[in-house]
Amino acid sequence: SIQKRLITFKTSETLIRFTCQVSNFHDRSGGFWNRVQIGTAEQILAVKTRALIVETILFGCLVIIAFYHFGLFVFRRKDLSTVYFGIYCLIISIRLILTGERIFLELFPRIPFWLTFRLEYLSFYLAIPLFALLLHNLYPNEFSKRFRSGFFIVGCLFSLSVISLPSSLFTQFVLY
């Protein structure tokens, strides 16, 4: 499971051996994504709670911004930048709850791993062509149609790879 876990235990020993066995059959880079944190249960829970609060507030802000821009689009149909920015904010908000503290998995623990994993990558790949559409719409003279089309085609091809290829292949395309 990719869900973060908080494990507590009590010991009277002064020396503790921590062994963790990790397997990875899906992502190009296996192992831990973050460092292992050691401390009292209260300390670790405080760090996790703070991160959840920050990500939840950020998610809420992005969703509000998205719907605000959808509302603007209702009144100004000729300005496509508002709908592009609204969709972009929704995609970034989805990515936010799929990564980091993985709030999505806290809310929907029964959603299969393969689906959340693919949504995580799709949210990255779809954000790029949408941002290119937004930039071209806002700055048509500075951001050419060629760049817009190039970003759009590349983003759609990578998105298609997430939908059609096994995860061991489509994870090879992002190097971070």
C-alpha atoms as a PDB file:
ATOM      1  CA  SER A   1       0.000   0.000   0.000  1.00  0.00           C
ATOM      2  CA  ILE A   2       1.178   3.536  -0.690  1.00  0.00           C
ATOM      3  CA  GLN A   3      -0.776   4.908   2.231  1.00  0.00           C
ATOM      4  CA  LYS A   4       1.367   6.473   4.945  1.00  0.00           C
ATOM      5  CA  ARG A   5       1.380   4.583   8.210  1.00  0.00           C
ATOM      6  CA  LEU A   6       1.963   5.578  11.794  1.00  0.00           C
ATOM      7  CA  ILE A   7       3.368   2.663  13.779  1.00  0.00           C
ATOM      8  CA  THR A   8       3.793   2.888  17.530  1.00  0.00           C
ATOM      9  CA  PHE A   9       5.454   0.522  19.950  1.00  0.00           C
ATOM     10  CA  LYS A  10       6.795   0.520  23.496  1.00  0.00           C
ATOM     11  CA  THR A  11      10.148  -0.818  24.551  1.00  0.00           C
ATOM     12  CA  SER A  12      12.426  -0.713  27.541  1.00  0.00           C
ATOM     13  CA  GLU A  13      15.498  -1.358  25.382  1.00  0.00           C
ATOM     14  CA  THR A  14      18.099   1.343  24.768  1.00  0.00           C
ATOM     15  CA  LEU A  15      19.049  -0.055  21.352  1.00  0.00           C
ATOM     16  CA  ILE A  16      16.407  -0.800  18.741  1.00  0.00           C
ATOM     17  CA  ARG A  17      16.986  -2.421  15.351  1.00  0.00           C
ATOM     18  CA  PHE A  18      14.640  -1.152  12.687  1.00  0.00           C
ATOM     19  CA  THR A  19      14.307  -3.397   9.628  1.00  0.00           C
ATOM     20  CA  CYS A  20      11.977  -2.578   6.784  1.00  0.00           C
ATOM     21  CA  GLN A  21      11.534  -4.724   3.716  1.00  0.00           C
ATOM     22  CA  VAL A  22      10.176  -2.904   0.699  1.00  0.00           C
ATOM     23  CA  SER A  23       9.045  -4.320  -2.617  1.00  0.00           C
ATOM     24  CA  ASN A  24       8.165  -2.382  -5.705  1.00  0.00           C
ATOM     25  CA  PHE A  25       6.605  -3.707  -8.858  1.00  0.00           C
ATOM     26  CA  HIS A  26       4.999  -0.523 -10.149  1.00  0.00           C
ATOM     27  CA  ASP A  27       7.211   2.558  -9.930  1.00  0.00           C
ATOM     28  CA  ARG A  28      10.629   3.107 -11.490  1.00  0.00           C
ATOM     29  CA  SER A  29      12.028   4.371  -8.184  1.00  0.00           C
ATOM     30  CA  GLY A  30      11.353   2.035  -5.302  1.00  0.00           C
ATOM     31  CA  GLY A  31      11.826   2.458  -1.611  1.00  0.00           C
ATOM     32  CA  PHE A  32      10.738   5.219   0.683  1.00  0.00           C
ATOM     33  CA  TRP A  33       9.550   8.502  -0.813  1.00  0.00           C
ATOM     34  CA  ASN A  34      10.192  10.358   2.433  1.00  0.00           C
ATOM     35  CA  ARG A  35      12.501   9.807   5.325  1.00  0.00           C
ATOM     36  CA  VAL A  36      11.415   7.626   8.231  1.00  0.00           C
ATOM     37  CA  GLN A  37      10.528   9.780  11.202  1.00  0.00           C
ATOM     38  CA  ILE A  38      11.258   8.525  14.678  1.00  0.00           C
ATOM     39  CA  GLY A  39       9.865  10.147  17.796  1.00  0.00           C
ATOM     40  CA  THR A  40       7.148   9.819  20.367  1.00  0.00           C
ATOM     41  CA  ALA A  41       3.677   8.997  19.109  1.00  0.00           C
ATOM     42  CA  GLU A  42       2.539  12.506  20.046  1.00  0.00           C
ATOM     43  CA  GLN A  43       5.361  14.159  18.079  1.00  0.00           C
ATOM     44  CA  ILE A  44       4.788  12.119  14.937  1.00  0.00           C
ATOM     45  CA  LEU A  45       1.011  12.545  15.154  1.00  0.00           C
ATOM     46  CA  ALA A  46       1.442  16.329  15.510  1.00  0.00           C
ATOM     47  CA  VAL A  47       3.590  16.453  12.352  1.00  0.00           C
ATOM     48  CA  LYS A  48       1.069  14.329  10.429  1.00  0.00           C
ATOM     49  CA  THR A  49      -1.885  16.389  11.665  1.00  0.00           C
ATOM     50  CA  ARG A  50      -0.207  19.667  10.695  1.00  0.00           C
ATOM     51  CA  ALA A  51       0.537  18.357   7.201  1.00  0.00           C
ATOM     52  CA  LEU A  52      -3.050  17.097   6.798  1.00  0.00           C
ATOM     53  CA  ILE A  53      -4.457  20.469   7.864  1.00  0.00           C
ATOM     54  CA  VAL A  54      -2.220  22.408   5.472  1.00  0.00           C
ATOM     55  CA  GLU A  55      -3.023  20.113   2.531  1.00  0.00           C
ATOM     56  CA  THR A  56      -6.752  20.140   3.296  1.00  0.00           C
ATOM     57  CA  ILE A  57      -6.822  23.953   3.413  1.00  0.00           C
ATOM     58  CA  LEU A  58      -4.830  24.164   0.194  1.00  0.00           C
ATOM     59  CA  PHE A  59      -7.163  21.648  -1.468  1.00  0.00           C
ATOM     60  CA  GLY A  60     -10.198  23.658  -0.373  1.00  0.00           C
ATOM     61  CA  CYS A  61      -8.667  26.903  -1.657  1.00  0.00           C
ATOM     62  CA  LEU A  62      -7.898  25.375  -5.052  1.00  0.00           C
ATOM     63  CA  VAL A  63     -11.428  23.971  -5.398  1.00  0.00           C
ATOM     64  CA  ILE A  64     -12.960  27.340  -4.441  1.00  0.00           C
ATOM     65  CA  ILE A  65     -10.709  29.127  -6.948  1.00  0.00           C
ATOM     66  CA  ALA A  66     -11.705  26.592  -9.625  1.00  0.00           C
ATOM     67  CA  PHE A  67     -15.430  27.067  -9.094  1.00  0.00           C
ATOM     68  CA  TYR A  68     -15.025  30.834  -8.884  1.00  0.00           C
ATOM     69  CA  HIS A  69     -13.426  30.774 -12.340  1.00  0.00           C
ATOM     70  CA  PHE A  70     -16.152  28.478 -13.662  1.00  0.00           C
ATOM     71  CA  GLY A  71     -18.626  31.083 -12.404  1.00  0.00           C
ATOM     72  CA  LEU A  72     -16.701  33.801 -14.220  1.00  0.00           C
ATOM     73  CA  PHE A  73     -16.894  31.737 -17.388  1.00  0.00           C
ATOM     74  CA  VAL A  74     -20.684  31.574 -17.103  1.00  0.00           C
ATOM     75  CA  PHE A  75     -20.816  35.372 -17.314  1.00  0.00           C
ATOM     76  CA  ARG A  76     -17.971  35.841 -19.825  1.00  0.00           C
ATOM     77  CA  ARG A  77     -18.205  32.952 -22.279  1.00  0.00           C
ATOM     78  CA  LYS A  78     -15.755  34.476 -24.733  1.00  0.00           C
ATOM     79  CA  ASP A  79     -12.907  34.409 -22.198  1.00  0.00           C
ATOM     80  CA  LEU A  80     -11.730  30.794 -22.246  1.00  0.00           C
ATOM     81  CA  SER A  81      -8.852  31.530 -19.873  1.00  0.00           C
ATOM     82  CA  THR A  82     -11.254  31.393 -16.924  1.00  0.00           C
ATOM     83  CA  VAL A  83     -12.418  27.858 -17.727  1.00  0.00           C
ATOM     84  CA  TYR A  84      -8.847  26.727 -18.504  1.00  0.00           C
ATOM     85  CA  PHE A  85      -7.646  28.097 -15.178  1.00  0.00           C
ATOM     86  CA  GLY A  86     -10.599  26.508 -13.350  1.00  0.00           C
ATOM     87  CA  ILE A  87      -9.858  23.079 -14.824  1.00  0.00           C
ATOM     88  CA  TYR A  88      -6.156  23.557 -14.091  1.00  0.00           C
ATOM     89  CA  CYS A  89      -6.945  24.316 -10.429  1.00  0.00           C
ATOM     90  CA  LEU A  90      -9.151  21.210 -10.223  1.00  0.00           C
ATOM     91  CA  ILE A  91      -6.418  19.008 -11.674  1.00  0.00           C
ATOM     92  CA  ILE A  92      -3.822  20.422  -9.272  1.00  0.00           C
ATOM     93  CA  SER A  93      -6.222  19.926  -6.344  1.00  0.00           C
ATOM     94  CA  ILE A  94      -6.717  16.300  -7.378  1.00  0.00           C
ATOM     95  CA  ARG A  95      -2.953  15.843  -7.592  1.00  0.00           C
ATOM     96  CA  LEU A  96      -2.585  17.418  -4.161  1.00  0.00           C
ATOM     97  CA  ILE A  97      -4.876  14.897  -2.469  1.00  0.00           C
ATOM     98  CA  LEU A  98      -3.286  11.984  -4.362  1.00  0.00           C
ATOM     99  CA  THR A  99       0.261  12.890  -3.281  1.00  0.00           C
ATOM    100  CA  GLY A 100       1.809  14.203  -0.073  1.00  0.00           C
ATOM    101  CA  GLU A 101      -0.286  13.002   2.824  1.00  0.00           C
ATOM    102  CA  ARG A 102      -2.521  11.130   0.362  1.00  0.00           C
ATOM    103  CA  ILE A 103      -5.793  12.502   1.699  1.00  0.00           C
ATOM    104  CA  PHE A 104      -7.659  10.709  -1.103  1.00  0.00           C
ATOM    105  CA  LEU A 105      -6.623   7.343   0.336  1.00  0.00           C
ATOM    106  CA  GLU A 106      -7.729   8.417   3.805  1.00  0.00           C
ATOM    107  CA  LEU A 107     -11.167   9.266   2.421  1.00  0.00           C
ATOM    108  CA  PHE A 108     -11.462   6.316   0.022  1.00  0.00           C
ATOM    109  CA  PRO A 109      -9.282   3.464   1.351  1.00  0.00           C
ATOM    110  CA  ARG A 110     -10.953   0.832  -0.843  1.00  0.00           C
ATOM    111  CA  ILE A 111     -10.068   2.488  -4.161  1.00  0.00           C
ATOM    112  CA  PRO A 112      -7.626   0.144  -5.934  1.00  0.00           C
ATOM    113  CA  PHE A 113      -3.951   1.061  -5.965  1.00  0.00           C
ATOM    114  CA  TRP A 114      -3.674   0.951  -9.761  1.00  0.00           C
ATOM    115  CA  LEU A 115      -6.392   3.597 -10.126  1.00  0.00           C
ATOM    116  CA  THR A 116      -4.937   6.076  -7.628  1.00  0.00           C
ATOM    117  CA  PHE A 117      -1.460   5.538  -9.053  1.00  0.00           C
ATOM    118  CA  ARG A 118      -2.636   6.264 -12.592  1.00  0.00           C
ATOM    119  CA  LEU A 119      -4.667   9.275 -11.464  1.00  0.00           C
ATOM    120  CA  GLU A 120      -1.555  10.658  -9.787  1.00  0.00           C
ATOM    121  CA  TYR A 121       0.407  10.500 -13.043  1.00  0.00           C
ATOM    122  CA  LEU A 122      -2.532  11.691 -15.160  1.00  0.00           C
ATOM    123  CA  SER A 123      -2.951  14.748 -12.952  1.00  0.00           C
ATOM    124  CA  PHE A 124       0.664  15.647 -13.698  1.00  0.00           C
ATOM    125  CA  TYR A 125       0.516  15.025 -17.438  1.00  0.00           C
ATOM    126  CA  LEU A 126      -2.850  16.740 -17.990  1.00  0.00           C
ATOM    127  CA  ALA A 127      -1.801  19.861 -16.090  1.00  0.00           C
ATOM    128  CA  ILE A 128       0.926  20.642 -18.642  1.00  0.00           C
ATOM    129  CA  PRO A 129      -1.243  20.940 -21.798  1.00  0.00           C
ATOM    130  CA  LEU A 130      -3.914  22.796 -19.830  1.00  0.00           C
ATOM    131  CA  PHE A 131      -1.358  25.315 -18.618  1.00  0.00           C
ATOM    132  CA  ALA A 132      -0.133  25.728 -22.211  1.00  0.00           C
ATOM    133  CA  LEU A 133      -3.723  26.390 -23.353  1.00  0.00           C
ATOM    134  CA  LEU A 134      -4.091  28.953 -20.573  1.00  0.00           C
ATOM    135  CA  LEU A 135      -0.839  30.728 -21.449  1.00  0.00           C
ATOM    136  CA  HIS A 136      -1.679  30.850 -25.139  1.00  0.00           C
ATOM    137  CA  ASN A 137      -5.144  32.176 -24.390  1.00  0.00           C
ATOM    138  CA  LEU A 138      -3.805  34.910 -22.081  1.00  0.00           C
ATOM    139  CA  TYR A 139      -0.753  35.802 -24.172  1.00  0.00           C
ATOM    140  CA  PRO A 140      -1.416  34.812 -27.797  1.00  0.00           C
ATOM    141  CA  ASN A 141       1.383  36.998 -29.178  1.00  0.00           C
ATOM    142  CA  GLU A 142       4.035  35.815 -26.707  1.00  0.00           C
ATOM    143  CA  PHE A 143       3.061  32.124 -26.529  1.00  0.00           C
ATOM    144  CA  SER A 144       2.792  30.808 -30.074  1.00  0.00           C
ATOM    145  CA  LYS A 145       0.358  28.238 -31.408  1.00  0.00           C
ATOM    146  CA  ARG A 146       3.306  25.950 -32.149  1.00  0.00           C
ATOM    147  CA  PHE A 147       4.335  25.838 -28.484  1.00  0.00           C
ATOM    148  CA  ARG A 148       0.729  25.381 -27.406  1.00  0.00           C
ATOM    149  CA  SER A 149       0.236  22.552 -29.891  1.00  0.00           C
ATOM    150  CA  GLY A 150       3.571  20.966 -28.953  1.00  0.00           C
ATOM    151  CA  PHE A 151       2.788  20.968 -25.235  1.00  0.00           C
ATOM    152  CA  PHE A 152      -0.739  19.758 -25.931  1.00  0.00           C
ATOM    153  CA  ILE A 153       0.382  16.844 -28.120  1.00  0.00           C
ATOM    154  CA  VAL A 154       3.183  15.786 -25.756  1.00  0.00           C
ATOM    155  CA  GLY A 155       0.912  16.022 -22.695  1.00  0.00           C
ATOM    156  CA  CYS A 156      -1.807  14.000 -24.416  1.00  0.00           C
ATOM    157  CA  LEU A 157       0.689  11.346 -25.552  1.00  0.00           C
ATOM    158  CA  PHE A 158       2.055  10.965 -22.033  1.00  0.00           C
ATOM    159  CA  SER A 159      -1.502  10.821 -20.681  1.00  0.00           C
ATOM    160  CA  LEU A 160      -2.305   8.129 -23.210  1.00  0.00           C
ATOM    161  CA  SER A 161       0.748   6.181 -22.008  1.00  0.00           C
ATOM    162  CA  VAL A 162      -0.641   6.239 -18.459  1.00  0.00           C
ATOM    163  CA  ILE A 163      -3.952   4.863 -19.674  1.00  0.00           C
ATOM    164  CA  SER A 164      -2.576   2.206 -22.015  1.00  0.00           C
ATOM    165  CA  LEU A 165       0.836   1.058 -20.703  1.00  0.00           C
ATOM    166  CA  PRO A 166       1.739  -0.928 -17.587  1.00  0.00           C
ATOM    167  CA  SER A 167       2.932   1.205 -14.683  1.00  0.00           C
ATOM    168  CA  SER A 168       6.451  -0.181 -14.890  1.00  0.00           C
ATOM    169  CA  LEU A 169       6.725   1.557 -18.291  1.00  0.00           C
ATOM    170  CA  PHE A 170       4.862   4.863 -17.912  1.00  0.00           C
ATOM    171  CA  THR A 171       6.721   5.704 -14.688  1.00  0.00           C
ATOM    172  CA  GLN A 172       9.958   5.751 -16.684  1.00  0.00           C
ATOM    173  CA  PHE A 173       8.973   9.040 -18.328  1.00  0.00           C
ATOM    174  CA  VAL A 174       9.083  11.242 -15.202  1.00  0.00           C
ATOM    175  CA  LEU A 175      12.535  11.722 -13.728  1.00  0.00           C
ATOM    176  CA  TYR A 176      12.206  13.329 -10.315  1.00  0.00           C
END
